[in-house]
Amino acid sequence: MGQAVVAAGVVIALGNLLLLLICWKRRTALGGLLAAVGVALVAFALARGPSRGAGELALWAAVGTLLFGSALYALGQLFERLLDDGPDDAARDEHAIPPT
């Protein structure tokens, strides 16, 4: 495995570890689970050695888990913010039925 692929694997693993740390602190499950799987995939790819087939496929899968886990984390945070914020007072007053 070339040095560039090993360096890419290290960068992918660091990204997955960062996502895992963020998800651990925020107590989110799906993003953290995908990040942990991504770290394991990078470890598998680097342990595979110079074979191009399974090692590179595992690195691509680790990139996929990083991107998908990050997207799930971002969507979860967005939904949490939307649920925590109540409706806007002006919008509520605008749609209120006037007293008769």
N, C-alpha and C. Protein backbone atom coordinates (compact mmCIF):
# COMPACT_ATOMS: atom_id res chain seq x y z
N MET A 1 0.86 -1.16 0.00
CA MET A 1 0.00 0.00 0.00
C MET A 1 0.90 1.22 0.00
N GLY A 2 0.63 2.13 -0.88
CA GLY A 2 1.48 3.30 -1.01
C GLY A 2 1.37 4.23 0.19
N GLN A 3 2.35 5.10 0.29
CA GLN A 3 2.36 6.05 1.41
C GLN A 3 1.18 7.00 1.36
N ALA A 4 0.72 7.34 0.17
CA ALA A 4 -0.42 8.24 0.05
C ALA A 4 -1.69 7.58 0.58
N VAL A 5 -1.85 6.30 0.34
CA VAL A 5 -3.04 5.58 0.82
C VAL A 5 -2.98 5.45 2.33
N VAL A 6 -1.80 5.21 2.88
CA VAL A 6 -1.65 5.14 4.34
C VAL A 6 -1.96 6.50 4.96
N ALA A 7 -1.47 7.57 4.34
CA ALA A 7 -1.76 8.91 4.86
C ALA A 7 -3.25 9.21 4.77
N ALA A 8 -3.88 8.80 3.68
CA ALA A 8 -5.32 8.99 3.56
C ALA A 8 -6.06 8.20 4.63
N GLY A 9 -5.60 6.99 4.91
CA GLY A 9 -6.21 6.19 5.96
C GLY A 9 -6.10 6.84 7.32
N VAL A 10 -4.96 7.44 7.60
CA VAL A 10 -4.78 8.13 8.88
C VAL A 10 -5.72 9.33 8.98
N VAL A 11 -5.85 10.08 7.91
CA VAL A 11 -6.75 11.24 7.90
C VAL A 11 -8.20 10.81 8.08
N ILE A 12 -8.59 9.73 7.40
CA ILE A 12 -9.95 9.22 7.53
C ILE A 12 -10.20 8.74 8.95
N ALA A 13 -9.21 8.05 9.53
CA ALA A 13 -9.36 7.57 10.91
C ALA A 13 -9.47 8.74 11.89
N LEU A 14 -8.69 9.80 11.68
CA LEU A 14 -8.79 10.97 12.55
C LEU A 14 -10.16 11.64 12.43
N GLY A 15 -10.68 11.71 11.21
CA GLY A 15 -12.02 12.26 11.02
C GLY A 15 -13.08 11.44 11.74
N ASN A 16 -12.97 10.12 11.62
CA ASN A 16 -13.92 9.24 12.31
C ASN A 16 -13.77 9.34 13.82
N LEU A 17 -12.54 9.45 14.31
CA LEU A 17 -12.34 9.61 15.76
C LEU A 17 -12.91 10.93 16.26
N LEU A 18 -12.75 11.99 15.47
CA LEU A 18 -13.32 13.28 15.85
C LEU A 18 -14.85 13.20 15.89
N LEU A 19 -15.44 12.58 14.89
CA LEU A 19 -16.90 12.40 14.89
C LEU A 19 -17.34 11.55 16.07
N LEU A 20 -16.59 10.51 16.39
CA LEU A 20 -16.91 9.66 17.53
C LEU A 20 -16.84 10.44 18.83
N LEU A 21 -15.84 11.29 18.98
CA LEU A 21 -15.71 12.11 20.19
C LEU A 21 -16.87 13.10 20.31
N ILE A 22 -17.22 13.74 19.22
CA ILE A 22 -18.33 14.70 19.23
C ILE A 22 -19.63 13.99 19.58
N CYS A 23 -19.85 12.85 18.95
CA CYS A 23 -21.08 12.10 19.23
C CYS A 23 -21.11 11.58 20.66
N TRP A 24 -19.96 11.23 21.20
CA TRP A 24 -19.90 10.76 22.58
C TRP A 24 -20.27 11.89 23.54
N LYS A 25 -19.76 13.08 23.28
CA LYS A 25 -20.07 14.22 24.15
C LYS A 25 -21.53 14.65 24.05
N ARG A 26 -22.10 14.55 22.85
CA ARG A 26 -23.49 14.99 22.64
C ARG A 26 -24.50 13.88 22.87
N ARG A 27 -24.01 12.67 23.17
CA ARG A 27 -24.87 11.52 23.44
C ARG A 27 -25.76 11.16 22.26
N THR A 28 -25.15 11.12 21.07
CA THR A 28 -25.88 10.68 19.89
C THR A 28 -25.36 9.31 19.48
N ALA A 29 -26.27 8.46 19.06
CA ALA A 29 -25.91 7.06 18.86
C ALA A 29 -25.49 6.73 17.43
N LEU A 30 -26.30 7.11 16.45
CA LEU A 30 -26.05 6.63 15.09
C LEU A 30 -24.74 7.16 14.50
N GLY A 31 -24.50 8.44 14.67
CA GLY A 31 -23.24 9.00 14.15
C GLY A 31 -22.03 8.38 14.83
N GLY A 32 -22.13 8.16 16.14
CA GLY A 32 -21.03 7.54 16.88
C GLY A 32 -20.79 6.10 16.46
N LEU A 33 -21.88 5.38 16.22
CA LEU A 33 -21.74 4.00 15.78
C LEU A 33 -21.07 3.92 14.42
N LEU A 34 -21.49 4.78 13.50
CA LEU A 34 -20.87 4.78 12.17
C LEU A 34 -19.41 5.22 12.24
N ALA A 35 -19.09 6.15 13.13
CA ALA A 35 -17.70 6.57 13.29
C ALA A 35 -16.84 5.43 13.82
N ALA A 36 -17.37 4.67 14.78
CA ALA A 36 -16.62 3.54 15.33
C ALA A 36 -16.40 2.47 14.26
N VAL A 37 -17.40 2.24 13.44
CA VAL A 37 -17.25 1.28 12.33
C VAL A 37 -16.20 1.79 11.34
N GLY A 38 -16.19 3.09 11.09
CA GLY A 38 -15.20 3.67 10.18
C GLY A 38 -13.78 3.51 10.69
N VAL A 39 -13.58 3.68 11.99
CA VAL A 39 -12.24 3.49 12.57
C VAL A 39 -11.81 2.04 12.41
N ALA A 40 -12.74 1.11 12.65
CA ALA A 40 -12.41 -0.31 12.49
C ALA A 40 -12.09 -0.64 11.03
N LEU A 41 -12.81 -0.03 10.10
CA LEU A 41 -12.54 -0.26 8.68
C LEU A 41 -11.17 0.25 8.28
N VAL A 42 -10.78 1.40 8.81
CA VAL A 42 -9.45 1.93 8.50
C VAL A 42 -8.37 1.02 9.08
N ALA A 43 -8.58 0.55 10.30
CA ALA A 43 -7.62 -0.37 10.90
C ALA A 43 -7.50 -1.64 10.06
N PHE A 44 -8.62 -2.16 9.58
CA PHE A 44 -8.59 -3.34 8.70
C PHE A 44 -7.83 -3.04 7.42
N ALA A 45 -8.09 -1.88 6.83
CA ALA A 45 -7.44 -1.54 5.56
C ALA A 45 -5.94 -1.40 5.73
N LEU A 46 -5.51 -0.78 6.82
CA LEU A 46 -4.07 -0.60 7.03
C LEU A 46 -3.40 -1.92 7.42
N ALA A 47 -4.12 -2.80 8.09
CA ALA A 47 -3.56 -4.10 8.46
C ALA A 47 -3.49 -5.04 7.26
N ARG A 48 -4.32 -4.80 6.25
CA ARG A 48 -4.35 -5.64 5.06
C ARG A 48 -3.03 -5.61 4.30
N GLY A 49 -2.36 -4.49 4.40
CA GLY A 49 -1.07 -4.40 3.72
C GLY A 49 -1.20 -3.92 2.28
N PRO A 50 -0.29 -4.39 1.44
CA PRO A 50 -0.21 -3.84 0.09
C PRO A 50 -1.28 -4.32 -0.88
N SER A 51 -2.18 -5.18 -0.46
CA SER A 51 -3.20 -5.63 -1.41
C SER A 51 -4.15 -4.49 -1.73
N ARG A 52 -4.42 -4.30 -2.98
CA ARG A 52 -5.20 -3.16 -3.41
C ARG A 52 -6.70 -3.39 -3.28
N GLY A 53 -7.17 -4.60 -3.39
CA GLY A 53 -8.60 -4.86 -3.47
C GLY A 53 -9.35 -4.54 -2.19
N ALA A 54 -9.21 -5.39 -1.19
CA ALA A 54 -10.01 -5.25 0.03
C ALA A 54 -9.60 -4.03 0.86
N GLY A 55 -8.32 -3.71 0.86
CA GLY A 55 -7.85 -2.57 1.65
C GLY A 55 -8.41 -1.25 1.15
N GLU A 56 -8.36 -1.04 -0.13
CA GLU A 56 -8.87 0.21 -0.69
C GLU A 56 -10.39 0.27 -0.60
N LEU A 57 -11.04 -0.86 -0.77
CA LEU A 57 -12.49 -0.90 -0.63
C LEU A 57 -12.90 -0.56 0.81
N ALA A 58 -12.13 -1.04 1.77
CA ALA A 58 -12.41 -0.71 3.18
C ALA A 58 -12.20 0.77 3.45
N LEU A 59 -11.21 1.38 2.82
CA LEU A 59 -11.00 2.82 2.99
C LEU A 59 -12.16 3.61 2.40
N TRP A 60 -12.66 3.19 1.24
CA TRP A 60 -13.81 3.87 0.65
C TRP A 60 -15.04 3.70 1.54
N ALA A 61 -15.19 2.53 2.12
CA ALA A 61 -16.31 2.31 3.03
C ALA A 61 -16.17 3.18 4.28
N ALA A 62 -14.94 3.38 4.75
CA ALA A 62 -14.71 4.24 5.91
C ALA A 62 -15.05 5.70 5.58
N VAL A 63 -14.73 6.13 4.38
CA VAL A 63 -15.12 7.49 3.95
C VAL A 63 -16.64 7.61 3.92
N GLY A 64 -17.30 6.57 3.43
CA GLY A 64 -18.76 6.57 3.40
C GLY A 64 -19.37 6.63 4.79
N THR A 65 -18.80 5.88 5.74
CA THR A 65 -19.33 5.94 7.11
C THR A 65 -19.09 7.31 7.73
N LEU A 66 -17.96 7.93 7.40
CA LEU A 66 -17.68 9.27 7.92
C LEU A 66 -18.68 10.29 7.37
N LEU A 67 -18.93 10.24 6.08
CA LEU A 67 -19.86 11.19 5.48
C LEU A 67 -21.30 10.94 5.95
N PHE A 68 -21.71 9.68 5.96
CA PHE A 68 -23.07 9.34 6.36
C PHE A 68 -23.28 9.62 7.85
N GLY A 69 -22.29 9.31 8.68
CA GLY A 69 -22.39 9.60 10.11
C GLY A 69 -22.44 11.09 10.39
N SER A 70 -21.66 11.87 9.64
CA SER A 70 -21.70 13.32 9.81
C SER A 70 -23.04 13.89 9.39
N ALA A 71 -23.60 13.36 8.31
CA ALA A 71 -24.91 13.83 7.86
C ALA A 71 -26.00 13.47 8.88
N LEU A 72 -25.94 12.27 9.44
CA LEU A 72 -26.92 11.89 10.46
C LEU A 72 -26.79 12.76 11.70
N TYR A 73 -25.56 13.06 12.09
CA TYR A 73 -25.35 13.92 13.26
C TYR A 73 -25.91 15.32 12.99
N ALA A 74 -25.63 15.87 11.81
CA ALA A 74 -26.12 17.21 11.48
C ALA A 74 -27.65 17.24 11.43
N LEU A 75 -28.25 16.23 10.83
CA LEU A 75 -29.71 16.18 10.79
C LEU A 75 -30.32 16.04 12.18
N GLY A 76 -29.69 15.24 13.01
CA GLY A 76 -30.17 15.09 14.38
C GLY A 76 -30.10 16.40 15.16
N GLN A 77 -29.02 17.14 14.98
CA GLN A 77 -28.90 18.43 15.65
C GLN A 77 -29.93 19.42 15.13
N LEU A 78 -30.17 19.39 13.82
CA LEU A 78 -31.16 20.28 13.22
C LEU A 78 -32.56 19.98 13.76
N PHE A 79 -32.92 18.70 13.80
CA PHE A 79 -34.24 18.33 14.32
C PHE A 79 -34.37 18.67 15.79
N GLU A 80 -33.29 18.49 16.55
CA GLU A 80 -33.34 18.82 17.98
C GLU A 80 -33.55 20.32 18.17
N ARG A 81 -32.86 21.13 17.37
CA ARG A 81 -33.04 22.58 17.45
C ARG A 81 -34.45 22.99 17.07
N LEU A 82 -34.98 22.35 16.03
CA LEU A 82 -36.35 22.67 15.60
C LEU A 82 -37.36 22.28 16.66
N LEU A 83 -37.15 21.17 17.34
CA LEU A 83 -38.08 20.74 18.37
C LEU A 83 -37.95 21.57 19.65
N ASP A 84 -36.73 22.03 19.95
CA ASP A 84 -36.52 22.83 21.16
C ASP A 84 -37.10 24.23 21.01
N ASP A 85 -37.00 24.81 19.83
CA ASP A 85 -37.54 26.15 19.60
C ASP A 85 -39.04 26.06 19.38
N GLY A 86 -39.76 26.84 20.13
CA GLY A 86 -41.20 26.87 19.93
C GLY A 86 -41.54 27.72 18.73
N PRO A 87 -42.80 27.78 18.38
CA PRO A 87 -43.18 28.63 17.25
C PRO A 87 -42.91 30.10 17.59
N ASP A 88 -42.63 30.84 16.58
CA ASP A 88 -42.34 32.26 16.74
C ASP A 88 -43.58 32.99 17.23
N ASP A 89 -43.41 33.91 18.17
CA ASP A 89 -44.55 34.65 18.73
C ASP A 89 -45.29 35.45 17.66
N ALA A 90 -44.56 36.07 16.76
CA ALA A 90 -45.21 36.87 15.73
C ALA A 90 -46.03 35.97 14.80
N ALA A 91 -45.50 34.84 14.47
CA ALA A 91 -46.23 33.92 13.59
C ALA A 91 -47.46 33.38 14.32
N ARG A 92 -47.33 33.15 15.61
CA ARG A 92 -48.47 32.65 16.39
C ARG A 92 -49.56 33.71 16.47
N ASP A 93 -49.19 34.98 16.69
CA ASP A 93 -50.16 36.04 16.77
C ASP A 93 -50.81 36.32 15.42
N GLU A 94 -50.06 36.16 14.35
CA GLU A 94 -50.58 36.40 13.02
C GLU A 94 -51.67 35.41 12.65
N HIS A 95 -51.54 34.19 13.10
CA HIS A 95 -52.49 33.15 12.76
C HIS A 95 -53.56 32.95 13.84
N ALA A 96 -53.53 33.78 14.84
CA ALA A 96 -54.51 33.63 15.92
C ALA A 96 -55.87 34.16 15.47
N ILE A 97 -56.88 33.54 15.96
CA ILE A 97 -58.25 33.96 15.65
C ILE A 97 -58.57 35.16 16.55
N PRO A 98 -58.98 36.27 15.94
CA PRO A 98 -59.27 37.44 16.77
C PRO A 98 -60.52 37.18 17.63
N PRO A 99 -60.54 37.74 18.84
CA PRO A 99 -61.70 37.53 19.72
C PRO A 99 -62.93 38.23 19.15
N THR A 100 -64.07 37.60 19.33
CA THR A 100 -65.31 38.21 18.82
C THR A 100 -66.18 38.71 19.93
